[in-house]
C-alpha cells in the first residue's frame, strides 16, 4: 500500500472519530494527516511526511485554540445562568430608583431590584440579568440588529 493512501485513510478515520465526539481538535489532527499524505504524494521521505503532518496539525490546533470555538468560557454564576433561573432575560418596568434600589412588580409580587451598573441607573423597561437571593439585578435591553 502506498504511503499517501495510509495517511489519507488515517485522516478519514480521524474525521469519523471527530464526527462521533464533536471535538474539532481531531479535525485539526486529520488535516495534519492530510498534509502528510500530500507530502508523500510530493515525494518526500517518511521524516518529511511526519514533519509536514505534525506542523500542519500543530498549526491547526493553535489556530483553533485562538478562535471563538477554542476559548474557554467562564461559567456563569448560578443566579445569572438562564438555564438555571428562567427569570433571567425577562422584562420589568422601573419607574424610579431610590438610593440605588428600586421596587418593581414582577410575577404578581414586589421585588427589590438593583442596577447592573450602579453608576448609571436608568428607568423604563429593563431586563433581569441575574437574581441574587430575593433581589433582581437589572440591566438595559440589548437591541437586536
N, C-alpha and C. Protein backbone atom coordinates (compact mmCIF):
# COMPACT_ATOMS: atom_id res chain seq x y z
N UNK A 1 0.85 -1.17 0.00
CA UNK A 1 0.00 0.00 0.00
C UNK A 1 0.89 1.23 0.00
N UNK A 2 0.56 2.20 -0.83
CA UNK A 2 1.35 3.43 -0.93
C UNK A 2 1.22 4.23 0.36
N UNK A 3 2.29 4.97 0.68
CA UNK A 3 2.30 5.74 1.93
C UNK A 3 1.19 6.79 1.97
N UNK A 4 0.95 7.46 0.84
CA UNK A 4 -0.06 8.52 0.85
C UNK A 4 -1.46 7.98 1.14
N UNK A 5 -1.73 6.74 0.69
CA UNK A 5 -3.04 6.12 0.96
C UNK A 5 -3.21 5.91 2.46
N UNK A 6 -2.16 5.46 3.13
CA UNK A 6 -2.22 5.25 4.57
C UNK A 6 -2.51 6.56 5.31
N UNK A 7 -1.85 7.64 4.89
CA UNK A 7 -2.10 8.94 5.51
C UNK A 7 -3.56 9.37 5.35
N UNK A 8 -4.10 9.21 4.14
CA UNK A 8 -5.48 9.64 3.89
C UNK A 8 -6.50 8.74 4.58
N UNK A 9 -6.20 7.44 4.69
CA UNK A 9 -7.10 6.53 5.41
C UNK A 9 -7.13 6.90 6.89
N UNK A 10 -5.96 7.17 7.46
CA UNK A 10 -5.91 7.59 8.87
C UNK A 10 -6.64 8.92 9.08
N UNK A 11 -6.49 9.83 8.12
CA UNK A 11 -7.21 11.11 8.21
C UNK A 11 -8.72 10.88 8.17
N UNK A 12 -9.18 9.99 7.31
CA UNK A 12 -10.61 9.69 7.22
C UNK A 12 -11.11 9.08 8.53
N UNK A 13 -10.33 8.19 9.13
CA UNK A 13 -10.72 7.61 10.41
C UNK A 13 -10.81 8.67 11.50
N UNK A 14 -9.91 9.63 11.48
CA UNK A 14 -9.98 10.71 12.46
C UNK A 14 -11.19 11.60 12.23
N UNK A 15 -11.56 11.82 10.99
CA UNK A 15 -12.76 12.61 10.69
C UNK A 15 -14.00 11.89 11.22
N UNK A 16 -14.06 10.58 11.04
CA UNK A 16 -15.19 9.81 11.58
C UNK A 16 -15.20 9.89 13.11
N UNK A 17 -14.04 9.78 13.73
CA UNK A 17 -13.97 9.89 15.20
C UNK A 17 -14.39 11.29 15.64
N UNK A 18 -14.03 12.31 14.87
CA UNK A 18 -14.42 13.68 15.21
C UNK A 18 -15.93 13.84 15.11
N UNK A 19 -16.55 13.25 14.11
CA UNK A 19 -18.00 13.33 13.98
C UNK A 19 -18.71 12.63 15.12
N UNK A 20 -18.10 11.61 15.67
CA UNK A 20 -18.71 10.89 16.78
C UNK A 20 -18.52 11.60 18.11
N UNK A 21 -17.43 12.35 18.26
CA UNK A 21 -17.15 13.00 19.54
C UNK A 21 -17.44 14.49 19.54
N UNK A 22 -17.41 15.14 18.38
CA UNK A 22 -17.64 16.58 18.32
C UNK A 22 -16.44 17.40 18.71
N UNK A 23 -15.26 16.83 18.69
CA UNK A 23 -14.04 17.54 19.05
C UNK A 23 -13.36 18.06 17.78
N UNK A 24 -13.29 19.37 17.66
CA UNK A 24 -12.64 19.96 16.49
C UNK A 24 -11.13 19.69 16.50
N UNK A 25 -10.58 19.34 17.64
CA UNK A 25 -9.15 19.07 17.70
C UNK A 25 -8.78 17.85 16.86
N UNK A 26 -9.64 16.84 16.85
CA UNK A 26 -9.38 15.68 16.00
C UNK A 26 -9.40 16.06 14.53
N UNK A 27 -10.24 17.03 14.19
CA UNK A 27 -10.29 17.50 12.81
C UNK A 27 -8.97 18.18 12.42
N UNK A 28 -8.38 18.91 13.36
CA UNK A 28 -7.10 19.56 13.07
C UNK A 28 -5.99 18.51 12.89
N UNK A 29 -6.02 17.46 13.68
CA UNK A 29 -5.03 16.39 13.51
C UNK A 29 -5.26 15.69 12.18
N UNK A 30 -6.52 15.51 11.80
CA UNK A 30 -6.83 14.91 10.50
C UNK A 30 -6.30 15.77 9.37
N UNK A 31 -6.39 17.09 9.50
CA UNK A 31 -5.79 17.98 8.49
C UNK A 31 -4.28 17.78 8.42
N UNK A 32 -3.67 17.57 9.58
CA UNK A 32 -2.23 17.28 9.60
C UNK A 32 -1.92 15.98 8.87
N UNK A 33 -2.75 14.97 9.07
CA UNK A 33 -2.54 13.70 8.37
C UNK A 33 -2.71 13.90 6.86
N UNK A 34 -3.64 14.73 6.46
CA UNK A 34 -3.78 15.03 5.02
C UNK A 34 -2.53 15.70 4.49
N UNK A 35 -1.93 16.59 5.29
CA UNK A 35 -0.68 17.22 4.87
C UNK A 35 0.43 16.18 4.73
N UNK A 36 0.43 15.19 5.60
CA UNK A 36 1.40 14.09 5.46
C UNK A 36 1.17 13.32 4.18
N UNK A 37 -0.09 13.13 3.81
CA UNK A 37 -0.41 12.45 2.54
C UNK A 37 0.02 13.26 1.35
N UNK A 38 -0.18 14.58 1.41
CA UNK A 38 0.26 15.44 0.31
C UNK A 38 1.79 15.42 0.21
N UNK A 39 2.44 15.42 1.36
CA UNK A 39 3.91 15.35 1.35
C UNK A 39 4.38 14.02 0.74
N UNK A 40 3.66 12.94 1.01
CA UNK A 40 4.01 11.65 0.41
C UNK A 40 3.81 11.69 -1.10
N UNK A 41 2.73 12.32 -1.55
CA UNK A 41 2.50 12.47 -2.99
C UNK A 41 3.57 13.32 -3.65
N UNK A 42 4.10 14.29 -2.89
CA UNK A 42 5.15 15.16 -3.43
C UNK A 42 6.51 14.46 -3.48
N UNK A 43 6.60 13.28 -2.90
CA UNK A 43 7.84 12.52 -2.98
C UNK A 43 8.76 12.68 -1.79
N UNK A 44 8.31 13.31 -0.72
CA UNK A 44 9.14 13.43 0.48
C UNK A 44 9.24 12.08 1.18
N UNK A 45 10.34 11.89 1.90
CA UNK A 45 10.52 10.66 2.67
C UNK A 45 9.66 10.69 3.93
N UNK A 46 9.70 9.60 4.67
CA UNK A 46 8.87 9.48 5.88
C UNK A 46 9.15 10.58 6.90
N UNK A 47 10.43 10.96 7.15
CA UNK A 47 10.64 12.06 8.10
C UNK A 47 9.99 13.38 7.63
N UNK A 48 10.06 13.68 6.35
CA UNK A 48 9.44 14.89 5.82
C UNK A 48 7.92 14.84 5.92
N UNK A 49 7.36 13.66 5.69
CA UNK A 49 5.92 13.49 5.81
C UNK A 49 5.46 13.72 7.25
N UNK A 50 6.22 13.15 8.19
CA UNK A 50 5.88 13.31 9.61
C UNK A 50 6.00 14.76 10.05
N UNK A 51 7.03 15.46 9.57
CA UNK A 51 7.20 16.87 9.91
C UNK A 51 6.03 17.69 9.34
N UNK A 52 5.64 17.41 8.11
CA UNK A 52 4.51 18.12 7.50
C UNK A 52 3.23 17.86 8.27
N UNK A 53 2.98 16.60 8.63
CA UNK A 53 1.77 16.25 9.37
C UNK A 53 1.76 16.91 10.74
N UNK A 54 2.88 16.85 11.44
CA UNK A 54 2.95 17.44 12.77
C UNK A 54 2.82 18.95 12.71
N UNK A 55 3.49 19.57 11.73
CA UNK A 55 3.43 21.03 11.61
C UNK A 55 2.04 21.54 11.31
N UNK A 56 1.37 20.94 10.33
CA UNK A 56 0.03 21.39 9.98
C UNK A 56 -0.95 21.09 11.11
N UNK A 57 -0.84 19.92 11.71
CA UNK A 57 -1.71 19.59 12.84
C UNK A 57 -1.53 20.55 14.00
N UNK A 58 -0.27 20.86 14.33
CA UNK A 58 0.02 21.78 15.42
C UNK A 58 -0.50 23.18 15.10
N UNK A 59 -0.27 23.66 13.88
CA UNK A 59 -0.78 24.98 13.50
C UNK A 59 -2.31 25.02 13.54
N UNK A 60 -2.95 23.94 13.13
CA UNK A 60 -4.41 23.88 13.19
C UNK A 60 -4.92 23.94 14.62
N UNK A 61 -4.27 23.22 15.53
CA UNK A 61 -4.69 23.24 16.92
C UNK A 61 -4.47 24.62 17.53
N UNK A 62 -3.34 25.25 17.24
CA UNK A 62 -3.09 26.61 17.76
C UNK A 62 -4.13 27.59 17.21
N UNK A 63 -4.44 27.49 15.92
CA UNK A 63 -5.45 28.38 15.34
C UNK A 63 -6.83 28.13 15.96
N UNK A 64 -7.15 26.86 16.21
CA UNK A 64 -8.43 26.55 16.84
C UNK A 64 -8.50 27.09 18.25
N UNK A 65 -7.42 26.98 19.02
CA UNK A 65 -7.41 27.50 20.39
C UNK A 65 -7.62 29.00 20.42
N UNK A 66 -7.14 29.71 19.40
CA UNK A 66 -7.27 31.16 19.36
C UNK A 66 -8.61 31.62 18.78
N UNK A 67 -9.37 30.70 18.22
CA UNK A 67 -10.65 31.06 17.62
C UNK A 67 -11.73 31.09 18.69
N UNK A 68 -12.93 31.51 18.30
CA UNK A 68 -14.02 31.57 19.27
C UNK A 68 -14.48 30.19 19.72
N UNK A 69 -14.21 29.15 18.95
CA UNK A 69 -14.62 27.80 19.33
C UNK A 69 -13.66 27.16 20.32
N UNK A 70 -12.45 27.68 20.41
CA UNK A 70 -11.48 27.08 21.31
C UNK A 70 -11.32 27.81 22.62
N UNK A 71 -11.93 28.98 22.76
CA UNK A 71 -11.80 29.73 24.01
C UNK A 71 -12.62 29.09 25.10
N UNK A 72 -12.06 29.08 26.27
CA UNK A 72 -12.80 28.57 27.42
C UNK A 72 -13.70 29.68 27.94
N UNK A 73 -14.92 29.32 28.17
CA UNK A 73 -15.87 30.29 28.69
C UNK A 73 -15.91 30.20 30.21
N UNK A 74 -15.96 31.37 30.82
CA UNK A 74 -16.11 31.37 32.27
C UNK A 74 -17.53 30.96 32.60
N UNK A 75 -17.70 30.05 33.53
CA UNK A 75 -19.07 29.65 33.88
C UNK A 75 -19.80 30.81 34.55
N UNK A 76 -21.07 30.95 34.21
CA UNK A 76 -21.89 31.98 34.82
C UNK A 76 -22.19 31.59 36.26
N UNK A 77 -22.34 32.61 37.11
CA UNK A 77 -22.82 32.30 38.44
C UNK A 77 -24.25 31.78 38.31
N UNK A 78 -24.67 30.98 39.23
CA UNK A 78 -25.95 30.31 39.11
C UNK A 78 -27.10 31.29 38.95
N UNK A 79 -27.08 32.40 39.67
CA UNK A 79 -28.17 33.37 39.59
C UNK A 79 -28.26 34.10 38.28
N UNK A 80 -27.21 34.06 37.46
CA UNK A 80 -27.21 34.75 36.16
C UNK A 80 -27.31 33.78 34.99
N UNK A 81 -27.42 32.49 35.28
CA UNK A 81 -27.47 31.48 34.24
C UNK A 81 -28.92 31.26 33.81
N UNK A 82 -29.27 31.61 32.56
CA UNK A 82 -30.66 31.44 32.13
C UNK A 82 -31.10 29.98 32.03
N UNK A 83 -30.15 29.03 32.04
CA UNK A 83 -30.52 27.62 32.04
C UNK A 83 -30.99 27.16 33.42
N UNK A 84 -30.59 27.90 34.46
CA UNK A 84 -30.95 27.54 35.82
C UNK A 84 -32.12 28.40 36.31
N UNK A 85 -32.01 29.72 36.08
CA UNK A 85 -33.03 30.66 36.53
C UNK A 85 -33.78 31.16 35.30
N UNK A 86 -35.01 30.71 35.14
CA UNK A 86 -35.77 31.04 33.94
C UNK A 86 -36.20 32.50 33.89
N UNK A 87 -36.06 33.23 35.00
CA UNK A 87 -36.43 34.64 35.01
C UNK A 87 -35.40 35.52 34.32
N UNK A 88 -34.18 35.06 34.18
CA UNK A 88 -33.14 35.84 33.53
C UNK A 88 -33.54 36.08 32.07
N UNK A 89 -33.54 37.36 31.68
CA UNK A 89 -33.92 37.73 30.33
C UNK A 89 -35.33 38.29 30.23
N UNK A 90 -36.11 38.20 31.31
CA UNK A 90 -37.47 38.73 31.31
C UNK A 90 -37.43 40.24 31.56
N UNK A 91 -38.45 40.95 31.11
CA UNK A 91 -38.51 42.41 31.24
C UNK A 91 -39.33 42.83 32.44
N UNK A 92 -38.90 43.90 33.08
CA UNK A 92 -39.65 44.55 34.16
C UNK A 92 -39.60 46.05 33.92
N UNK A 93 -40.59 46.76 34.46
CA UNK A 93 -40.64 48.22 34.34
C UNK A 93 -40.18 48.85 35.64
N UNK A 94 -39.24 49.78 35.52
CA UNK A 94 -38.72 50.51 36.68
C UNK A 94 -39.16 51.96 36.53
N UNK A 95 -39.85 52.44 37.55
CA UNK A 95 -40.35 53.83 37.49
C UNK A 95 -39.40 54.79 38.17
N UNK A 96 -38.73 54.37 39.26
CA UNK A 96 -37.82 55.28 39.97
C UNK A 96 -36.84 54.47 40.80
N UNK A 97 -35.65 55.05 41.00
CA UNK A 97 -34.62 54.46 41.85
C UNK A 97 -34.53 55.31 43.11
N UNK A 98 -34.33 54.67 44.25
CA UNK A 98 -34.15 55.40 45.49
C UNK A 98 -32.97 54.79 46.22
N UNK A 99 -31.89 55.55 46.33
CA UNK A 99 -30.64 55.09 46.95
C UNK A 99 -30.11 53.82 46.29
N UNK A 100 -30.21 53.74 44.98
CA UNK A 100 -29.66 52.62 44.23
C UNK A 100 -30.52 51.37 44.25
N UNK A 101 -31.74 51.46 44.79
CA UNK A 101 -32.64 50.31 44.84
C UNK A 101 -33.99 50.73 44.29
N UNK A 102 -34.63 49.86 43.56
CA UNK A 102 -35.97 50.12 43.03
C UNK A 102 -36.90 49.02 43.52
N UNK A 103 -38.17 49.34 43.59
CA UNK A 103 -39.19 48.35 43.92
C UNK A 103 -39.97 48.10 42.64
N UNK A 104 -39.95 46.85 42.14
CA UNK A 104 -40.59 46.53 40.87
C UNK A 104 -41.63 45.43 41.09
N UNK A 105 -42.60 45.41 40.21
CA UNK A 105 -43.64 44.39 40.24
C UNK A 105 -43.27 43.34 39.19
N UNK A 106 -43.13 42.09 39.65
CA UNK A 106 -42.77 41.01 38.74
C UNK A 106 -43.44 39.73 39.22
N UNK A 107 -44.09 39.03 38.34
CA UNK A 107 -44.80 37.77 38.61
C UNK A 107 -45.76 37.89 39.79
N UNK A 108 -46.46 39.01 39.85
CA UNK A 108 -47.51 39.18 40.85
C UNK A 108 -47.05 39.58 42.23
N UNK A 109 -45.78 39.90 42.40
CA UNK A 109 -45.31 40.36 43.71
C UNK A 109 -44.28 41.45 43.53
N UNK A 110 -43.98 42.14 44.63
CA UNK A 110 -43.00 43.22 44.60
C UNK A 110 -41.62 42.65 44.92
N UNK A 111 -40.63 43.12 44.15
CA UNK A 111 -39.26 42.68 44.30
C UNK A 111 -38.36 43.90 44.49
N UNK A 112 -37.28 43.72 45.24
CA UNK A 112 -36.22 44.72 45.26
C UNK A 112 -35.38 44.50 44.02
N UNK A 113 -34.89 45.59 43.45
CA UNK A 113 -34.06 45.50 42.25
C UNK A 113 -32.89 46.46 42.38
N UNK A 114 -31.75 46.02 41.87
CA UNK A 114 -30.56 46.88 41.82
C UNK A 114 -30.08 46.93 40.38
N UNK A 115 -29.45 48.05 40.00
CA UNK A 115 -28.95 48.14 38.62
C UNK A 115 -27.68 47.32 38.43
N UNK A 116 -27.50 46.80 37.23
CA UNK A 116 -26.30 46.05 36.88
C UNK A 116 -25.07 46.95 36.97
N UNK A 117 -25.22 48.19 36.50
CA UNK A 117 -24.16 49.20 36.58
C UNK A 117 -24.64 50.29 37.54
N UNK A 118 -24.23 50.24 38.82
CA UNK A 118 -24.77 51.17 39.81
C UNK A 118 -24.53 52.64 39.51
N UNK A 119 -23.52 52.93 38.70
CA UNK A 119 -23.23 54.34 38.40
C UNK A 119 -24.20 54.95 37.39
N UNK A 120 -24.97 54.12 36.68
CA UNK A 120 -25.90 54.63 35.67
C UNK A 120 -27.28 53.97 35.80
N UNK A 121 -28.02 54.19 36.89
CA UNK A 121 -29.36 53.60 36.94
C UNK A 121 -30.30 54.34 36.00
N UNK A 122 -31.03 53.59 35.20
CA UNK A 122 -31.98 54.18 34.26
C UNK A 122 -33.37 53.63 34.56
N UNK A 123 -34.36 54.37 34.16
CA UNK A 123 -35.74 53.94 34.35
C UNK A 123 -36.29 53.43 33.03
N UNK A 124 -37.44 52.81 33.10
CA UNK A 124 -38.08 52.28 31.91
C UNK A 124 -38.10 50.77 31.94
N UNK A 125 -38.17 50.18 30.78
CA UNK A 125 -38.22 48.72 30.67
C UNK A 125 -36.79 48.17 30.69
N UNK A 126 -36.49 47.35 31.69
CA UNK A 126 -35.16 46.76 31.85
C UNK A 126 -35.29 45.24 31.85
N UNK A 127 -34.16 44.58 31.70
CA UNK A 127 -34.12 43.12 31.62
C UNK A 127 -33.47 42.57 32.88
N UNK A 128 -33.99 41.46 33.37
CA UNK A 128 -33.39 40.79 34.52
C UNK A 128 -32.12 40.10 34.06
N UNK A 129 -30.99 40.51 34.63
CA UNK A 129 -29.69 39.93 34.27
C UNK A 129 -29.29 38.80 35.22
N UNK A 130 -29.74 38.89 36.49
CA UNK A 130 -29.42 37.87 37.48
C UNK A 130 -30.39 38.02 38.65
N UNK A 131 -30.41 37.01 39.49
CA UNK A 131 -31.16 37.08 40.73
C UNK A 131 -30.20 36.70 41.84
N UNK A 132 -30.09 37.60 42.82
CA UNK A 132 -29.24 37.36 44.00
C UNK A 132 -30.15 37.33 45.21
N UNK A 133 -30.41 36.14 45.70
CA UNK A 133 -31.34 36.00 46.81
C UNK A 133 -32.74 36.37 46.35
N UNK A 134 -33.29 37.44 46.96
CA UNK A 134 -34.61 37.92 46.54
C UNK A 134 -34.50 39.28 45.86
N UNK A 135 -33.34 39.57 45.31
CA UNK A 135 -33.09 40.85 44.65
C UNK A 135 -32.82 40.60 43.16
N UNK A 136 -33.51 41.35 42.32
CA UNK A 136 -33.29 41.28 40.88
C UNK A 136 -32.16 42.21 40.48
N UNK A 137 -31.27 41.76 39.63
CA UNK A 137 -30.22 42.60 39.05
C UNK A 137 -30.68 42.95 37.65
N UNK A 138 -30.86 44.25 37.40
CA UNK A 138 -31.44 44.70 36.13
C UNK A 138 -30.41 45.41 35.27
N UNK A 139 -30.55 45.23 33.98
CA UNK A 139 -29.68 45.90 33.00
C UNK A 139 -30.48 46.31 31.79
N UNK A 140 -29.84 47.04 30.90
CA UNK A 140 -30.56 47.51 29.70
C UNK A 140 -30.86 46.36 28.75
N UNK A 141 -31.88 46.57 27.95
CA UNK A 141 -32.21 45.58 26.93
C UNK A 141 -31.23 45.72 25.78
N UNK A 142 -30.78 44.60 25.27
CA UNK A 142 -29.90 44.62 24.10
C UNK A 142 -30.78 44.58 22.86
N UNK A 143 -30.57 45.53 22.00
CA UNK A 143 -31.36 45.60 20.77
C UNK A 143 -30.81 44.62 19.75
N UNK A 144 -31.70 43.94 19.07
CA UNK A 144 -31.32 43.01 18.01
C UNK A 144 -31.23 43.79 16.72
N UNK A 145 -30.10 43.63 16.01
CA UNK A 145 -29.91 44.37 14.76
C UNK A 145 -30.40 43.57 13.61
